[in-house]
PDB file of N, CA and C in Angstrom:
ATOM      1  N   UNK A   1       0.856  -1.167   0.000  1.00  0.00           N
ATOM      2  CA  UNK A   1       0.000   0.000   0.000  1.00  0.00           C
ATOM      3  C   UNK A   1       0.896   1.221   0.000  1.00  0.00           C
ATOM      4  N   UNK A   2       0.547   2.168  -0.847  1.00  0.00           N
ATOM      5  CA  UNK A   2       1.217   3.454  -0.843  1.00  0.00           C
ATOM      6  C   UNK A   2       0.175   4.547  -0.723  1.00  0.00           C
ATOM      7  N   UNK A   3       0.562   5.660  -0.128  1.00  0.00           N
ATOM      8  CA  UNK A   3      -0.322   6.814   0.003  1.00  0.00           C
ATOM      9  C   UNK A   3       0.196   7.879  -0.937  1.00  0.00           C
ATOM     10  N   UNK A   4      -0.652   8.311  -1.867  1.00  0.00           N
ATOM     11  CA  UNK A   4      -0.267   9.322  -2.846  1.00  0.00           C
ATOM     12  C   UNK A   4      -1.435  10.267  -3.054  1.00  0.00           C
ATOM     13  N   UNK A   5      -1.220  11.544  -2.781  1.00  0.00           N
ATOM     14  CA  UNK A   5      -2.239  12.578  -2.964  1.00  0.00           C
ATOM     15  C   UNK A   5      -3.557  12.222  -2.279  1.00  0.00           C
ATOM     16  N   UNK A   6      -3.473  11.714  -1.060  1.00  0.00           N
ATOM     17  CA  UNK A   6      -4.660  11.416  -0.272  1.00  0.00           C
ATOM     18  C   UNK A   6      -5.368  10.131  -0.610  1.00  0.00           C
ATOM     19  N   UNK A   7      -4.793   9.326  -1.518  1.00  0.00           N
ATOM     20  CA  UNK A   7      -5.408   8.045  -1.870  1.00  0.00           C
ATOM     21  C   UNK A   7      -4.461   6.917  -1.498  1.00  0.00           C
ATOM     22  N   UNK A   8      -5.014   5.853  -0.989  1.00  0.00           N
ATOM     23  CA  UNK A   8      -4.270   4.647  -0.651  1.00  0.00           C
ATOM     24  C   UNK A   8      -4.298   3.736  -1.871  1.00  0.00           C
ATOM     25  N   UNK A   9      -3.134   3.405  -2.414  1.00  0.00           N
ATOM     26  CA  UNK A   9      -3.027   2.593  -3.627  1.00  0.00           C
ATOM     27  C   UNK A   9      -2.561   1.188  -3.261  1.00  0.00           C
ATOM     28  N   UNK A  10      -3.252   0.204  -3.800  1.00  0.00           N
ATOM     29  CA  UNK A  10      -2.933  -1.200  -3.552  1.00  0.00           C
ATOM     30  C   UNK A  10      -2.622  -1.877  -4.878  1.00  0.00           C
ATOM     31  N   UNK A  11      -1.484  -2.541  -4.952  1.00  0.00           N
ATOM     32  CA  UNK A  11      -1.118  -3.330  -6.119  1.00  0.00           C
ATOM     33  C   UNK A  11      -1.258  -4.800  -5.742  1.00  0.00           C
ATOM     34  N   UNK A  12      -1.894  -5.576  -6.606  1.00  0.00           N
ATOM     35  CA  UNK A  12      -2.092  -7.004  -6.371  1.00  0.00           C
ATOM     36  C   UNK A  12      -0.876  -7.740  -6.922  1.00  0.00           C
ATOM     37  N   UNK A  13       0.145  -7.899  -6.095  1.00  0.00           N
ATOM     38  CA  UNK A  13       1.429  -8.426  -6.527  1.00  0.00           C
ATOM     39  C   UNK A  13       1.391  -9.907  -6.901  1.00  0.00           C
ATOM     40  N   UNK A  14       0.518 -10.688  -6.277  1.00  0.00           N
ATOM     41  CA  UNK A  14       0.474 -12.127  -6.556  1.00  0.00           C
ATOM     42  C   UNK A  14      -0.645 -12.489  -7.536  1.00  0.00           C
ATOM     43  N   UNK A  15      -1.342 -11.491  -8.051  1.00  0.00           N
ATOM     44  CA  UNK A  15      -2.462 -11.746  -8.954  1.00  0.00           C
ATOM     45  C   UNK A  15      -2.008 -12.084 -10.361  1.00  0.00           C
ATOM     46  N   UNK A  16      -2.918 -12.569 -11.189  1.00  0.00           N
ATOM     47  CA  UNK A  16      -2.576 -13.002 -12.541  1.00  0.00           C
ATOM     48  C   UNK A  16      -2.374 -11.849 -13.527  1.00  0.00           C
ATOM     49  N   UNK A  17      -2.760 -10.632 -13.162  1.00  0.00           N
ATOM     50  CA  UNK A  17      -2.692  -9.498 -14.081  1.00  0.00           C
ATOM     51  C   UNK A  17      -1.732  -8.436 -13.544  1.00  0.00           C
ATOM     52  N   UNK A  18      -0.568  -8.338 -14.161  1.00  0.00           N
ATOM     53  CA  UNK A  18       0.467  -7.413 -13.725  1.00  0.00           C
ATOM     54  C   UNK A  18      -0.069  -5.988 -13.633  1.00  0.00           C
ATOM     55  N   UNK A  19       0.223  -5.344 -12.509  1.00  0.00           N
ATOM     56  CA  UNK A  19      -0.165  -3.948 -12.334  1.00  0.00           C
ATOM     57  C   UNK A  19      -1.597  -3.729 -11.895  1.00  0.00           C
ATOM     58  N   UNK A  20      -2.356  -4.801 -11.702  1.00  0.00           N
ATOM     59  CA  UNK A  20      -3.757  -4.665 -11.328  1.00  0.00           C
ATOM     60  C   UNK A  20      -3.878  -4.398  -9.834  1.00  0.00           C
ATOM     61  N   UNK A  21      -4.826  -3.565  -9.463  1.00  0.00           N
ATOM     62  CA  UNK A  21      -5.063  -3.251  -8.068  1.00  0.00           C
ATOM     63  C   UNK A  21      -6.180  -2.235  -7.952  1.00  0.00           C
ATOM     64  N   UNK A  22      -6.166  -1.462  -6.877  1.00  0.00           N
ATOM     65  CA  UNK A  22      -7.208  -0.472  -6.681  1.00  0.00           C
ATOM     66  C   UNK A  22      -6.693   0.647  -5.783  1.00  0.00           C
ATOM     67  N   UNK A  23      -7.412   1.739  -5.751  1.00  0.00           N
ATOM     68  CA  UNK A  23      -7.083   2.865  -4.877  1.00  0.00           C
ATOM     69  C   UNK A  23      -8.346   3.294  -4.150  1.00  0.00           C
ATOM     70  N   UNK A  24      -8.159   3.778  -2.944  1.00  0.00           N
ATOM     71  CA  UNK A  24      -9.280   4.273  -2.159  1.00  0.00           C
ATOM     72  C   UNK A  24      -8.780   5.430  -1.306  1.00  0.00           C
ATOM     73  N   UNK A  25      -9.593   6.446  -1.169  1.00  0.00           N
ATOM     74  CA  UNK A  25      -9.201   7.599  -0.370  1.00  0.00           C
ATOM     75  C   UNK A  25     -10.093   7.765   0.847  1.00  0.00           C
ATOM     76  N   UNK A  26      -9.544   8.442   1.838  1.00  0.00           N
ATOM     77  CA  UNK A  26     -10.309   8.822   3.021  1.00  0.00           C
ATOM     78  C   UNK A  26     -10.601  10.303   2.922  1.00  0.00           C
ATOM     79  N   UNK A  27     -11.680  10.737   3.522  1.00  0.00           N
ATOM     80  CA  UNK A  27     -12.043  12.149   3.440  1.00  0.00           C
ATOM     81  C   UNK A  27     -11.023  13.053   4.115  1.00  0.00           C
ATOM     82  N   UNK A  28     -10.267  12.507   5.082  1.00  0.00           N
ATOM     83  CA  UNK A  28      -9.249  13.320   5.749  1.00  0.00           C
ATOM     84  C   UNK A  28      -7.874  13.204   5.096  1.00  0.00           C
ATOM     85  N   UNK A  29      -7.755  12.399   4.021  1.00  0.00           N
ATOM     86  CA  UNK A  29      -6.499  12.251   3.296  1.00  0.00           C
ATOM     87  C   UNK A  29      -5.461  11.384   3.988  1.00  0.00           C
ATOM     88  N   UNK A  30      -5.802  10.781   5.113  1.00  0.00           N
ATOM     89  CA  UNK A  30      -4.859   9.966   5.870  1.00  0.00           C
ATOM     90  C   UNK A  30      -4.759   8.558   5.296  1.00  0.00           C
ATOM     91  N   UNK A  31      -3.675   7.887   5.654  1.00  0.00           N
ATOM     92  CA  UNK A  31      -3.525   6.481   5.285  1.00  0.00           C
ATOM     93  C   UNK A  31      -4.552   5.650   6.055  1.00  0.00           C
ATOM     94  N   UNK A  32      -4.951   4.537   5.462  1.00  0.00           N
ATOM     95  CA  UNK A  32      -5.870   3.623   6.129  1.00  0.00           C
ATOM     96  C   UNK A  32      -5.168   2.942   7.301  1.00  0.00           C
ATOM     97  N   UNK A  33      -5.935   2.576   8.302  1.00  0.00           N
ATOM     98  CA  UNK A  33      -5.384   1.740   9.360  1.00  0.00           C
ATOM     99  C   UNK A  33      -5.207   0.331   8.794  1.00  0.00           C
ATOM    100  N   UNK A  34      -4.450  -0.505   9.495  1.00  0.00           N
ATOM    101  CA  UNK A  34      -4.267  -1.884   9.037  1.00  0.00           C
ATOM    102  C   UNK A  34      -5.607  -2.602   8.911  1.00  0.00           C
ATOM    103  N   UNK A  35      -6.500  -2.406   9.872  1.00  0.00           N
ATOM    104  CA  UNK A  35      -7.813  -3.063   9.842  1.00  0.00           C
ATOM    105  C   UNK A  35      -8.633  -2.568   8.647  1.00  0.00           C
ATOM    106  N   UNK A  36      -8.618  -1.266   8.390  1.00  0.00           N
ATOM    107  CA  UNK A  36      -9.343  -0.731   7.234  1.00  0.00           C
ATOM    108  C   UNK A  36      -8.768  -1.291   5.935  1.00  0.00           C
ATOM    109  N   UNK A  37      -7.445  -1.344   5.844  1.00  0.00           N
ATOM    110  CA  UNK A  37      -6.800  -1.875   4.638  1.00  0.00           C
ATOM    111  C   UNK A  37      -7.203  -3.328   4.411  1.00  0.00           C
ATOM    112  N   UNK A  38      -7.156  -4.145   5.461  1.00  0.00           N
ATOM    113  CA  UNK A  38      -7.549  -5.561   5.326  1.00  0.00           C
ATOM    114  C   UNK A  38      -8.997  -5.694   4.861  1.00  0.00           C
ATOM    115  N   UNK A  39      -9.889  -4.870   5.400  1.00  0.00           N
ATOM    116  CA  UNK A  39     -11.300  -4.928   5.008  1.00  0.00           C
ATOM    117  C   UNK A  39     -11.475  -4.584   3.533  1.00  0.00           C
ATOM    118  N   UNK A  40     -10.786  -3.548   3.063  1.00  0.00           N
ATOM    119  CA  UNK A  40     -10.915  -3.146   1.655  1.00  0.00           C
ATOM    120  C   UNK A  40     -10.275  -4.170   0.722  1.00  0.00           C
ATOM    121  N   UNK A  41      -9.149  -4.733   1.131  1.00  0.00           N
ATOM    122  CA  UNK A  41      -8.509  -5.777   0.323  1.00  0.00           C
ATOM    123  C   UNK A  41      -9.416  -7.002   0.223  1.00  0.00           C
ATOM    124  N   UNK A  42     -10.010  -7.429   1.339  1.00  0.00           N
ATOM    125  CA  UNK A  42     -10.919  -8.578   1.320  1.00  0.00           C
ATOM    126  C   UNK A  42     -12.117  -8.311   0.418  1.00  0.00           C
ATOM    127  N   UNK A  43     -12.661  -7.103   0.476  1.00  0.00           N
ATOM    128  CA  UNK A  43     -13.788  -6.742  -0.384  1.00  0.00           C
ATOM    129  C   UNK A  43     -13.411  -6.768  -1.854  1.00  0.00           C
ATOM    130  N   UNK A  44     -12.231  -6.256  -2.174  1.00  0.00           N
ATOM    131  CA  UNK A  44     -11.741  -6.263  -3.554  1.00  0.00           C
ATOM    132  C   UNK A  44     -11.594  -7.691  -4.056  1.00  0.00           C
ATOM    133  N   UNK A  45     -10.929  -8.535  -3.286  1.00  0.00           N
ATOM    134  CA  UNK A  45     -10.700  -9.918  -3.717  1.00  0.00           C
ATOM    135  C   UNK A  45     -11.992 -10.714  -3.821  1.00  0.00           C
ATOM    136  N   UNK A  46     -12.979 -10.401  -2.987  1.00  0.00           N
ATOM    137  CA  UNK A  46     -14.268 -11.103  -3.044  1.00  0.00           C
ATOM    138  C   UNK A  46     -15.005 -10.825  -4.351  1.00  0.00           C
ATOM    139  N   UNK A  47     -14.691  -9.715  -5.000  1.00  0.00           N
ATOM    140  CA  UNK A  47     -15.359  -9.342  -6.255  1.00  0.00           C
ATOM    141  C   UNK A  47     -14.600  -9.780  -7.504  1.00  0.00           C
ATOM    142  N   UNK A  48     -13.465 -10.461  -7.327  1.00  0.00           N
ATOM    143  CA  UNK A  48     -12.657 -10.892  -8.469  1.00  0.00           C
ATOM    144  C   UNK A  48     -13.259 -12.141  -9.103  1.00  0.00           C
ATOM    145  N   UNK A  49     -13.347 -12.124 -10.422  1.00  0.00           N
ATOM    146  CA  UNK A  49     -13.777 -13.299 -11.185  1.00  0.00           C
ATOM    147  C   UNK A  49     -12.564 -14.223 -11.304  1.00  0.00           C
ATOM    148  N   UNK A  50     -12.623 -15.429 -10.738  1.00  0.00           N
ATOM    149  CA  UNK A  50     -11.460 -16.301 -10.781  1.00  0.00           C
ATOM    150  C   UNK A  50     -11.048 -16.719 -12.193  1.00  0.00           C
ATOM    151  N   UNK A  51     -11.965 -16.663 -13.126  1.00  0.00           N
ATOM    152  CA  UNK A  51     -11.647 -17.051 -14.500  1.00  0.00           C
ATOM    153  C   UNK A  51     -10.797 -15.998 -15.215  1.00  0.00           C
ATOM    154  N   UNK A  52     -10.967 -14.726 -14.841  1.00  0.00           N
ATOM    155  CA  UNK A  52     -10.257 -13.646 -15.533  1.00  0.00           C
ATOM    156  C   UNK A  52      -9.220 -12.952 -14.656  1.00  0.00           C
ATOM    157  N   UNK A  53      -9.409 -12.991 -13.352  1.00  0.00           N
ATOM    158  CA  UNK A  53      -8.533 -12.264 -12.449  1.00  0.00           C
ATOM    159  C   UNK A  53      -8.866 -10.787 -12.372  1.00  0.00           C
ATOM    160  N   UNK A  54      -9.970 -10.388 -12.960  1.00  0.00           N
ATOM    161  CA  UNK A  54     -10.432  -8.992 -12.919  1.00  0.00           C
ATOM    162  C   UNK A  54     -11.759  -8.909 -12.160  1.00  0.00           C
ATOM    163  N   UNK A  55     -12.144  -7.712 -11.808  1.00  0.00           N
ATOM    164  CA  UNK A  55     -13.444  -7.519 -11.153  1.00  0.00           C
ATOM    165  C   UNK A  55     -14.566  -8.064 -12.037  1.00  0.00           C
ATOM    166  N   UNK A  56     -15.560  -8.656 -11.384  1.00  0.00           N
ATOM    167  CA  UNK A  56     -16.725  -9.167 -12.122  1.00  0.00           C
ATOM    168  C   UNK A  56     -17.478  -8.008 -12.743  1.00  0.00           C
ATOM    169  N   UNK A  57     -18.101  -8.278 -13.864  1.00  0.00           N
ATOM    170  CA  UNK A  57     -18.947  -7.260 -14.529  1.00  0.00           C
ATOM    171  C   UNK A  57     -20.252  -7.115 -13.798  1.00  0.00           C
TER     172      UNK A  57
END
């Protein structure tokens, strides 16, 4: 996770699609707590189509 311009950026390093990930920002521009990061990562992965490795349509 990196924080850039108030957004937390996540790269899916072990995923099938190089460079794929997501970003999420907080209204106060702060980095997410570890618990918040885990929750958002779990939500992202739950929406991945295992056949494509991308978010479901």
